[in-house]
Amino acid sequence: MAMIAANVPARGELIDRARQLIPALRDRAQIADDLRRLPNETHGELISAELYRIYLPARFGGFELDYLLQVDIA
């Protein structure tokens, strides 16, 4: 039986959340390059914005959304 993810944000809301991260991502771009990975702060912000939940199946608490949303966010 398929589960429906509760409280799935609208596509536009997720895109807005990603856009709000742009200034911080720009500020940490050199740090990310130096570390050769995402800074912990960036990882935390992506978790807080729930952007990692886009593909996660609903049965695991994700939004179970499509790849095109990821393209729009990128």
N, C-alpha and C. Protein backbone atom coordinates (compact mmCIF):
# COMPACT_ATOMS: atom_id res chain seq x y z
N MET A 1 0.84 -1.18 0.00
CA MET A 1 0.00 0.00 0.00
C MET A 1 0.89 1.24 0.00
N ALA A 2 0.70 2.12 -0.95
CA ALA A 2 1.52 3.33 -1.06
C ALA A 2 1.09 4.35 -0.01
N MET A 3 2.09 5.00 0.54
CA MET A 3 1.80 6.06 1.51
C MET A 3 1.91 7.40 0.81
N ILE A 4 1.11 8.32 1.21
CA ILE A 4 1.16 9.68 0.68
C ILE A 4 1.92 10.54 1.68
N ALA A 5 2.91 11.26 1.17
CA ALA A 5 3.70 12.13 2.04
C ALA A 5 2.81 13.26 2.56
N ALA A 6 2.86 13.47 3.84
CA ALA A 6 2.08 14.55 4.45
C ALA A 6 2.85 15.86 4.35
N ASN A 7 2.13 16.93 4.24
CA ASN A 7 2.74 18.27 4.24
C ASN A 7 3.82 18.46 3.18
N VAL A 8 3.55 18.01 1.98
CA VAL A 8 4.50 18.21 0.88
C VAL A 8 4.40 19.66 0.43
N PRO A 9 5.52 20.40 0.51
CA PRO A 9 5.48 21.79 0.06
C PRO A 9 5.22 21.87 -1.45
N ALA A 10 4.66 22.97 -1.87
CA ALA A 10 4.45 23.20 -3.30
C ALA A 10 5.80 23.35 -3.98
N ARG A 11 5.84 23.05 -5.26
CA ARG A 11 7.08 23.15 -6.04
C ARG A 11 7.69 24.54 -5.90
N GLY A 12 6.85 25.55 -6.02
CA GLY A 12 7.33 26.93 -5.93
C GLY A 12 7.95 27.23 -4.58
N GLU A 13 7.39 26.66 -3.53
CA GLU A 13 7.93 26.86 -2.18
C GLU A 13 9.33 26.25 -2.07
N LEU A 14 9.51 25.06 -2.62
CA LEU A 14 10.84 24.43 -2.57
C LEU A 14 11.85 25.22 -3.40
N ILE A 15 11.42 25.72 -4.53
CA ILE A 15 12.31 26.55 -5.36
C ILE A 15 12.67 27.83 -4.61
N ASP A 16 11.71 28.44 -3.93
CA ASP A 16 11.99 29.64 -3.13
C ASP A 16 12.97 29.34 -2.00
N ARG A 17 12.82 28.19 -1.36
CA ARG A 17 13.75 27.81 -0.30
C ARG A 17 15.17 27.70 -0.85
N ALA A 18 15.30 27.12 -2.02
CA ALA A 18 16.62 27.00 -2.64
C ALA A 18 17.18 28.39 -2.99
N ARG A 19 16.34 29.25 -3.53
CA ARG A 19 16.79 30.60 -3.88
C ARG A 19 17.27 31.38 -2.65
N GLN A 20 16.63 31.16 -1.52
CA GLN A 20 17.02 31.85 -0.30
C GLN A 20 18.41 31.44 0.17
N LEU A 21 18.87 30.29 -0.26
CA LEU A 21 20.20 29.81 0.12
C LEU A 21 21.32 30.42 -0.73
N ILE A 22 20.99 31.02 -1.84
CA ILE A 22 22.00 31.51 -2.78
C ILE A 22 23.03 32.43 -2.13
N PRO A 23 22.66 33.44 -1.36
CA PRO A 23 23.69 34.31 -0.78
C PRO A 23 24.68 33.55 0.12
N ALA A 24 24.18 32.65 0.93
CA ALA A 24 25.06 31.88 1.82
C ALA A 24 25.95 30.94 1.01
N LEU A 25 25.41 30.34 -0.04
CA LEU A 25 26.21 29.46 -0.89
C LEU A 25 27.32 30.24 -1.59
N ARG A 26 27.00 31.44 -2.04
CA ARG A 26 28.03 32.28 -2.66
C ARG A 26 29.12 32.64 -1.66
N ASP A 27 28.69 33.00 -0.45
CA ASP A 27 29.66 33.38 0.58
C ASP A 27 30.59 32.24 0.95
N ARG A 28 30.09 31.02 0.87
CA ARG A 28 30.91 29.85 1.24
C ARG A 28 31.50 29.12 0.06
N ALA A 29 31.40 29.67 -1.14
CA ALA A 29 31.90 28.97 -2.33
C ALA A 29 33.39 28.65 -2.23
N GLN A 30 34.18 29.59 -1.81
CA GLN A 30 35.62 29.34 -1.70
C GLN A 30 35.93 28.31 -0.61
N ILE A 31 35.19 28.39 0.48
CA ILE A 31 35.38 27.40 1.55
C ILE A 31 35.05 26.01 1.03
N ALA A 32 33.97 25.88 0.28
CA ALA A 32 33.60 24.58 -0.28
C ALA A 32 34.69 24.08 -1.23
N ASP A 33 35.23 24.98 -2.04
CA ASP A 33 36.32 24.58 -2.93
C ASP A 33 37.53 24.12 -2.14
N ASP A 34 37.87 24.86 -1.11
CA ASP A 34 39.03 24.50 -0.29
C ASP A 34 38.83 23.17 0.43
N LEU A 35 37.62 22.94 0.93
CA LEU A 35 37.32 21.70 1.63
C LEU A 35 37.14 20.51 0.68
N ARG A 36 36.77 20.81 -0.56
CA ARG A 36 36.44 19.81 -1.57
C ARG A 36 35.22 18.98 -1.16
N ARG A 37 34.32 19.64 -0.43
CA ARG A 37 33.05 19.04 -0.01
C ARG A 37 32.14 20.17 0.45
N LEU A 38 30.90 19.83 0.72
CA LEU A 38 29.98 20.83 1.26
C LEU A 38 30.40 21.20 2.68
N PRO A 39 30.44 22.47 3.00
CA PRO A 39 30.65 22.85 4.39
C PRO A 39 29.49 22.35 5.25
N ASN A 40 29.77 22.07 6.50
CA ASN A 40 28.73 21.59 7.41
C ASN A 40 27.54 22.54 7.47
N GLU A 41 27.80 23.84 7.42
CA GLU A 41 26.72 24.83 7.46
C GLU A 41 25.78 24.68 6.26
N THR A 42 26.36 24.44 5.09
CA THR A 42 25.55 24.27 3.88
C THR A 42 24.72 23.00 3.99
N HIS A 43 25.34 21.94 4.45
CA HIS A 43 24.62 20.68 4.63
C HIS A 43 23.44 20.89 5.59
N GLY A 44 23.66 21.58 6.68
CA GLY A 44 22.60 21.86 7.64
C GLY A 44 21.48 22.70 7.03
N GLU A 45 21.84 23.67 6.22
CA GLU A 45 20.82 24.51 5.59
C GLU A 45 19.99 23.72 4.58
N LEU A 46 20.61 22.80 3.86
CA LEU A 46 19.87 21.96 2.92
C LEU A 46 18.91 21.04 3.66
N ILE A 47 19.33 20.55 4.81
CA ILE A 47 18.44 19.74 5.65
C ILE A 47 17.28 20.60 6.15
N SER A 48 17.58 21.78 6.68
CA SER A 48 16.54 22.67 7.21
C SER A 48 15.53 23.07 6.14
N ALA A 49 16.02 23.28 4.92
CA ALA A 49 15.14 23.66 3.81
C ALA A 49 14.37 22.46 3.25
N GLU A 50 14.68 21.28 3.76
CA GLU A 50 14.04 20.02 3.35
C GLU A 50 14.27 19.68 1.88
N LEU A 51 15.36 20.16 1.32
CA LEU A 51 15.63 19.90 -0.10
C LEU A 51 16.11 18.48 -0.34
N TYR A 52 16.66 17.84 0.66
CA TYR A 52 17.08 16.44 0.50
C TYR A 52 15.88 15.49 0.44
N ARG A 53 14.74 15.96 0.83
CA ARG A 53 13.54 15.11 0.88
C ARG A 53 12.81 15.04 -0.46
N ILE A 54 13.30 15.74 -1.47
CA ILE A 54 12.60 15.80 -2.76
C ILE A 54 12.39 14.41 -3.35
N TYR A 55 13.43 13.59 -3.41
CA TYR A 55 13.32 12.26 -4.02
C TYR A 55 12.98 11.16 -3.02
N LEU A 56 13.14 11.42 -1.77
CA LEU A 56 12.94 10.40 -0.75
C LEU A 56 11.51 9.86 -0.82
N PRO A 57 11.35 8.53 -0.84
CA PRO A 57 9.99 7.98 -0.89
C PRO A 57 9.14 8.42 0.30
N ALA A 58 7.86 8.56 0.06
CA ALA A 58 6.94 9.00 1.10
C ALA A 58 6.97 8.07 2.30
N ARG A 59 7.16 6.77 2.08
CA ARG A 59 7.16 5.82 3.19
C ARG A 59 8.32 6.05 4.15
N PHE A 60 9.33 6.83 3.70
CA PHE A 60 10.45 7.17 4.55
C PHE A 60 10.43 8.64 4.98
N GLY A 61 9.28 9.27 4.80
CA GLY A 61 9.12 10.66 5.21
C GLY A 61 9.50 11.69 4.16
N GLY A 62 9.68 11.23 2.94
CA GLY A 62 10.08 12.15 1.87
C GLY A 62 8.89 12.71 1.11
N PHE A 63 9.22 13.53 0.13
CA PHE A 63 8.19 14.17 -0.67
C PHE A 63 7.88 13.40 -1.95
N GLU A 64 8.78 12.50 -2.34
CA GLU A 64 8.58 11.64 -3.51
C GLU A 64 8.21 12.47 -4.75
N LEU A 65 9.00 13.49 -5.02
CA LEU A 65 8.73 14.37 -6.15
C LEU A 65 9.61 13.96 -7.33
N ASP A 66 9.46 14.66 -8.43
CA ASP A 66 10.11 14.26 -9.67
C ASP A 66 11.45 14.96 -9.92
N TYR A 67 12.18 14.39 -10.86
CA TYR A 67 13.50 14.90 -11.21
C TYR A 67 13.45 16.32 -11.77
N LEU A 68 12.42 16.67 -12.46
CA LEU A 68 12.33 18.01 -13.05
C LEU A 68 12.38 19.10 -11.99
N LEU A 69 11.87 18.82 -10.82
CA LEU A 69 11.97 19.81 -9.72
C LEU A 69 13.44 20.04 -9.37
N GLN A 70 14.21 18.97 -9.30
CA GLN A 70 15.64 19.12 -9.02
C GLN A 70 16.33 19.96 -10.08
N VAL A 71 15.95 19.76 -11.33
CA VAL A 71 16.51 20.56 -12.42
C VAL A 71 16.15 22.03 -12.22
N ASP A 72 14.91 22.31 -11.87
CA ASP A 72 14.49 23.70 -11.62
C ASP A 72 15.24 24.31 -10.44
N ILE A 73 15.48 23.52 -9.41
CA ILE A 73 16.21 24.03 -8.24
C ILE A 73 17.66 24.29 -8.59
N ALA A 74 18.25 23.40 -9.35
CA ALA A 74 19.66 23.58 -9.75
C ALA A 74 19.81 24.82 -10.61
